[in-house]
Amino acid sequence: MQSHSSILEKIDTHTATSAEVCARFGISQPTLHRWTKNRPGFPKPLRLSSRMVRYDISAIDRYLSTQSE
């Protein structure tokens, strides 16, 4: 079984906050929220606690690459 710290380390290296996602993809917070709610197949955020939400950057990259084809 993995330790709590090793799980958090993996989460931190593969995920990003909404602000980091917006900066990386050049979008606003409202746009990210719309994409999450309205785009079929867009990766849902990972709710780690009531106040901590992260997005899987690799999953968003894959989703966006399939949308531009």
N, C-alpha and C. Protein backbone atom coordinates (compact mmCIF):
# COMPACT_ATOMS: atom_id res chain seq x y z
N MET A 1 0.84 -1.18 0.00
CA MET A 1 0.00 0.00 0.00
C MET A 1 0.88 1.25 0.00
N GLN A 2 0.52 2.24 -0.81
CA GLN A 2 1.30 3.46 -0.91
C GLN A 2 1.04 4.37 0.28
N SER A 3 2.08 5.10 0.64
CA SER A 3 1.91 6.05 1.74
C SER A 3 1.15 7.29 1.25
N HIS A 4 0.59 7.99 2.19
CA HIS A 4 -0.17 9.21 1.89
C HIS A 4 0.69 10.22 1.14
N SER A 5 1.95 10.38 1.57
CA SER A 5 2.83 11.36 0.94
C SER A 5 3.18 10.98 -0.49
N SER A 6 3.36 9.68 -0.77
CA SER A 6 3.68 9.27 -2.14
C SER A 6 2.48 9.46 -3.06
N ILE A 7 1.29 9.27 -2.55
CA ILE A 7 0.09 9.52 -3.36
C ILE A 7 -0.03 11.01 -3.67
N LEU A 8 0.18 11.85 -2.66
CA LEU A 8 0.11 13.30 -2.89
C LEU A 8 1.19 13.76 -3.85
N GLU A 9 2.37 13.15 -3.79
CA GLU A 9 3.45 13.50 -4.71
C GLU A 9 3.04 13.21 -6.15
N LYS A 10 2.42 12.06 -6.39
CA LYS A 10 1.95 11.72 -7.73
C LYS A 10 0.87 12.68 -8.20
N ILE A 11 -0.03 13.05 -7.30
CA ILE A 11 -1.08 13.99 -7.65
C ILE A 11 -0.47 15.32 -8.05
N ASP A 12 0.51 15.81 -7.28
CA ASP A 12 1.12 17.09 -7.56
C ASP A 12 1.88 17.11 -8.88
N THR A 13 2.46 15.98 -9.30
CA THR A 13 3.25 15.97 -10.53
C THR A 13 2.39 15.78 -11.78
N HIS A 14 1.16 15.32 -11.64
CA HIS A 14 0.33 15.06 -12.80
C HIS A 14 -0.92 15.93 -12.88
N THR A 15 -1.10 16.76 -11.89
CA THR A 15 -2.31 17.57 -11.85
C THR A 15 -1.96 19.04 -11.65
N ALA A 16 -2.97 19.87 -11.85
CA ALA A 16 -2.77 21.32 -11.72
C ALA A 16 -4.03 21.97 -11.17
N THR A 17 -3.85 23.11 -10.56
CA THR A 17 -4.99 23.89 -10.09
C THR A 17 -5.70 24.49 -11.30
N SER A 18 -6.88 25.02 -11.08
CA SER A 18 -7.61 25.65 -12.18
C SER A 18 -6.82 26.85 -12.71
N ALA A 19 -6.17 27.60 -11.85
CA ALA A 19 -5.37 28.75 -12.29
C ALA A 19 -4.20 28.29 -13.17
N GLU A 20 -3.56 27.18 -12.80
CA GLU A 20 -2.45 26.65 -13.59
C GLU A 20 -2.94 26.13 -14.94
N VAL A 21 -4.10 25.49 -14.96
CA VAL A 21 -4.68 25.01 -16.22
C VAL A 21 -4.98 26.19 -17.13
N CYS A 22 -5.58 27.22 -16.58
CA CYS A 22 -5.92 28.41 -17.37
C CYS A 22 -4.67 29.06 -17.95
N ALA A 23 -3.64 29.19 -17.15
CA ALA A 23 -2.39 29.79 -17.63
C ALA A 23 -1.76 28.93 -18.73
N ARG A 24 -1.76 27.62 -18.54
CA ARG A 24 -1.14 26.73 -19.52
C ARG A 24 -1.84 26.77 -20.87
N PHE A 25 -3.17 26.82 -20.85
CA PHE A 25 -3.93 26.75 -22.10
C PHE A 25 -4.42 28.10 -22.58
N GLY A 26 -4.11 29.16 -21.85
CA GLY A 26 -4.48 30.51 -22.28
C GLY A 26 -5.98 30.76 -22.26
N ILE A 27 -6.64 30.24 -21.24
CA ILE A 27 -8.09 30.43 -21.13
C ILE A 27 -8.42 31.08 -19.78
N SER A 28 -9.64 31.55 -19.65
CA SER A 28 -10.07 32.16 -18.39
C SER A 28 -10.71 31.11 -17.49
N GLN A 29 -10.89 31.47 -16.22
CA GLN A 29 -11.56 30.58 -15.27
C GLN A 29 -12.99 30.25 -15.73
N PRO A 30 -13.77 31.25 -16.18
CA PRO A 30 -15.12 30.93 -16.66
C PRO A 30 -15.11 29.96 -17.85
N THR A 31 -14.12 30.08 -18.73
CA THR A 31 -14.03 29.16 -19.86
C THR A 31 -13.75 27.75 -19.38
N LEU A 32 -12.82 27.60 -18.44
CA LEU A 32 -12.53 26.27 -17.90
C LEU A 32 -13.79 25.68 -17.25
N HIS A 33 -14.51 26.48 -16.54
CA HIS A 33 -15.75 26.01 -15.90
C HIS A 33 -16.77 25.56 -16.96
N ARG A 34 -16.93 26.35 -18.03
CA ARG A 34 -17.86 25.98 -19.11
C ARG A 34 -17.43 24.69 -19.77
N TRP A 35 -16.13 24.56 -20.07
CA TRP A 35 -15.64 23.34 -20.71
C TRP A 35 -15.94 22.13 -19.82
N THR A 36 -15.72 22.29 -18.52
CA THR A 36 -15.96 21.19 -17.58
C THR A 36 -17.42 20.78 -17.57
N LYS A 37 -18.31 21.75 -17.63
CA LYS A 37 -19.74 21.48 -17.54
C LYS A 37 -20.38 21.11 -18.87
N ASN A 38 -19.92 21.69 -19.97
CA ASN A 38 -20.66 21.60 -21.23
C ASN A 38 -20.01 20.78 -22.35
N ARG A 39 -18.73 20.47 -22.24
CA ARG A 39 -18.08 19.72 -23.32
C ARG A 39 -18.09 18.22 -23.00
N PRO A 40 -18.80 17.45 -23.80
CA PRO A 40 -18.81 16.00 -23.57
C PRO A 40 -17.39 15.44 -23.67
N GLY A 41 -17.01 14.64 -22.72
CA GLY A 41 -15.69 14.02 -22.73
C GLY A 41 -14.58 14.84 -22.12
N PHE A 42 -14.85 16.11 -21.77
CA PHE A 42 -13.79 16.92 -21.16
C PHE A 42 -13.50 16.34 -19.78
N PRO A 43 -12.21 16.18 -19.44
CA PRO A 43 -11.86 15.56 -18.15
C PRO A 43 -12.41 16.34 -16.96
N LYS A 44 -13.08 15.63 -16.10
CA LYS A 44 -13.66 16.24 -14.90
C LYS A 44 -12.55 16.51 -13.89
N PRO A 45 -12.72 17.54 -13.09
CA PRO A 45 -11.71 17.83 -12.06
C PRO A 45 -11.73 16.75 -10.98
N LEU A 46 -10.59 16.60 -10.33
CA LEU A 46 -10.45 15.65 -9.24
C LEU A 46 -10.66 16.41 -7.93
N ARG A 47 -11.69 16.09 -7.20
CA ARG A 47 -11.95 16.75 -5.93
C ARG A 47 -11.24 15.96 -4.84
N LEU A 48 -10.15 16.54 -4.33
CA LEU A 48 -9.34 15.87 -3.32
C LEU A 48 -9.84 16.12 -1.92
N SER A 49 -10.53 17.22 -1.74
CA SER A 49 -11.18 17.55 -0.46
C SER A 49 -12.25 18.59 -0.77
N SER A 50 -12.91 19.07 0.24
CA SER A 50 -13.97 20.06 -0.01
C SER A 50 -13.41 21.37 -0.57
N ARG A 51 -12.12 21.62 -0.34
CA ARG A 51 -11.53 22.87 -0.82
C ARG A 51 -10.38 22.68 -1.80
N MET A 52 -10.09 21.45 -2.18
CA MET A 52 -8.95 21.18 -3.06
C MET A 52 -9.40 20.44 -4.31
N VAL A 53 -9.27 21.12 -5.46
CA VAL A 53 -9.64 20.54 -6.74
C VAL A 53 -8.43 20.61 -7.65
N ARG A 54 -8.18 19.54 -8.37
CA ARG A 54 -7.06 19.50 -9.32
C ARG A 54 -7.57 18.94 -10.65
N TYR A 55 -6.88 19.31 -11.72
CA TYR A 55 -7.18 18.83 -13.06
C TYR A 55 -6.02 18.00 -13.56
N ASP A 56 -6.34 16.94 -14.28
CA ASP A 56 -5.33 16.07 -14.87
C ASP A 56 -4.86 16.70 -16.18
N ILE A 57 -3.64 17.24 -16.16
CA ILE A 57 -3.09 17.95 -17.32
C ILE A 57 -2.97 17.03 -18.53
N SER A 58 -2.49 15.81 -18.34
CA SER A 58 -2.33 14.88 -19.46
C SER A 58 -3.67 14.58 -20.11
N ALA A 59 -4.70 14.40 -19.31
CA ALA A 59 -6.03 14.10 -19.85
C ALA A 59 -6.57 15.29 -20.64
N ILE A 60 -6.32 16.49 -20.17
CA ILE A 60 -6.77 17.68 -20.90
C ILE A 60 -6.01 17.81 -22.21
N ASP A 61 -4.69 17.58 -22.18
CA ASP A 61 -3.89 17.59 -23.42
C ASP A 61 -4.44 16.60 -24.44
N ARG A 62 -4.73 15.38 -23.98
CA ARG A 62 -5.27 14.35 -24.89
C ARG A 62 -6.62 14.79 -25.45
N TYR A 63 -7.49 15.30 -24.59
CA TYR A 63 -8.81 15.74 -25.03
C TYR A 63 -8.67 16.84 -26.09
N LEU A 64 -7.87 17.84 -25.82
CA LEU A 64 -7.73 18.96 -26.77
C LEU A 64 -7.11 18.51 -28.09
N SER A 65 -6.18 17.55 -28.03
CA SER A 65 -5.57 17.09 -29.28
C SER A 65 -6.58 16.33 -30.14
N THR A 66 -7.53 15.65 -29.53
CA THR A 66 -8.54 14.96 -30.32
C THR A 66 -9.57 15.92 -30.88
N GLN A 67 -9.75 17.08 -30.25
CA GLN A 67 -10.72 18.06 -30.72
C GLN A 67 -10.23 18.82 -31.94
N SER A 68 -8.91 18.91 -32.11
CA SER A 68 -8.38 19.69 -33.24
C SER A 68 -8.19 18.85 -34.49
N GLU A 69 -8.46 17.55 -34.40
CA GLU A 69 -8.28 16.67 -35.57
C GLU A 69 -9.47 16.73 -36.49
